[in-house]
């Protein structure tokens, strides 16, 4: 089964965007992307197996969106 991580936007302003992320809607962490630096910080972690996979996947997806210059969607996902 391919890795799948869902992302749901909860807040956005000119400087940052926050998303809930994780493998399912009932198992979500929270992260924040600094739009200027591109740094992604995990604020809360979901229960993942193995740990850190969903954060890594979410970070990759958000970095792709930031680098493309696209608007940050309300919902998106990472699937390999």
Protein backbone atom coordinates (compact mmCIF):
# COMPACT_ATOMS: atom_id res chain seq x y z
CA UNK A 1 0.00 0.00 0.00
CA UNK A 2 1.39 3.42 -0.98
CA UNK A 3 1.90 6.08 1.70
CA UNK A 4 -1.01 8.50 1.95
CA UNK A 5 -1.13 11.68 4.04
CA UNK A 6 -4.08 14.05 4.07
CA UNK A 7 -3.73 17.79 4.74
CA UNK A 8 -6.56 20.14 5.80
CA UNK A 9 -5.88 23.87 6.03
CA UNK A 10 -6.95 25.46 9.31
CA UNK A 11 -5.41 28.94 9.11
CA UNK A 12 -3.53 31.15 6.66
CA UNK A 13 -2.21 34.70 6.63
CA UNK A 14 0.45 36.53 4.61
CA UNK A 15 3.34 35.01 6.58
CA UNK A 16 2.29 31.44 7.34
CA UNK A 17 -0.16 28.64 6.76
CA UNK A 18 -1.23 25.89 9.19
CA UNK A 19 -2.52 22.46 8.25
CA UNK A 20 -3.85 19.46 10.11
CA UNK A 21 -2.16 16.38 8.65
CA UNK A 22 -2.15 12.64 9.09
CA UNK A 23 -3.19 9.26 7.76
CA UNK A 24 -6.92 9.64 8.60
CA UNK A 25 -9.34 12.39 9.65
CA UNK A 26 -9.47 11.05 13.21
CA UNK A 27 -5.68 10.95 13.55
CA UNK A 28 -4.27 14.38 12.71
CA UNK A 29 -1.30 16.44 13.82
CA UNK A 30 -0.67 20.14 13.20
CA UNK A 31 2.09 21.84 11.26
CA UNK A 32 2.99 25.36 10.20
CA UNK A 33 4.75 26.54 7.05
CA UNK A 34 6.63 29.85 7.06
CA UNK A 35 5.98 31.19 3.56
CA UNK A 36 9.12 33.34 3.44
CA UNK A 37 11.71 30.81 4.61
CA UNK A 38 9.90 27.65 3.50
CA UNK A 39 10.49 26.11 6.94
CA UNK A 40 7.87 23.62 8.08
CA UNK A 41 7.46 23.11 11.83
CA UNK A 42 5.50 20.27 13.41
CA UNK A 43 3.35 21.65 16.26
CA UNK A 44 1.47 18.43 17.08
CA UNK A 45 2.19 14.95 15.78
CA UNK A 46 -0.32 12.32 14.68
CA UNK A 47 0.09 8.70 15.71
CA UNK A 48 1.97 7.29 12.73
CA UNK A 49 3.60 4.00 11.92
CA UNK A 50 6.48 4.55 11.48
CA UNK A 51 6.73 7.87 13.34
CA UNK A 52 7.54 10.95 11.26
CA UNK A 53 6.35 9.58 7.92
CA UNK A 54 3.21 11.71 7.73
CA UNK A 55 5.13 14.87 8.68
CA UNK A 56 7.74 14.15 6.02
CA UNK A 57 5.04 13.54 3.40
CA UNK A 58 3.13 16.70 4.38
CA UNK A 59 6.34 18.76 4.26
CA UNK A 60 7.10 17.49 0.74
CA UNK A 61 3.59 18.35 -0.48
CA UNK A 62 3.62 21.87 0.99
CA UNK A 63 7.11 22.56 -0.33
CA UNK A 64 5.92 21.61 -3.83
CA UNK A 65 2.96 23.99 -3.53
CA UNK A 66 5.17 26.83 -2.23
CA UNK A 67 7.79 26.31 -4.97
CA UNK A 68 5.14 26.23 -7.71
CA UNK A 69 3.70 29.58 -6.60
CA UNK A 70 0.20 28.11 -6.37
CA UNK A 71 -2.37 29.08 -3.74
CA UNK A 72 -2.55 26.81 -0.73
CA UNK A 73 -5.69 24.64 -1.09
CA UNK A 74 -8.16 23.97 1.72
CA UNK A 75 -7.57 20.23 1.31
CA UNK A 76 -4.79 18.32 -0.39
CA UNK A 77 -2.86 15.09 0.05
CA UNK A 78 0.41 13.33 -0.52
CA UNK A 79 0.34 9.91 -2.13
CA UNK A 80 3.40 8.11 -3.39
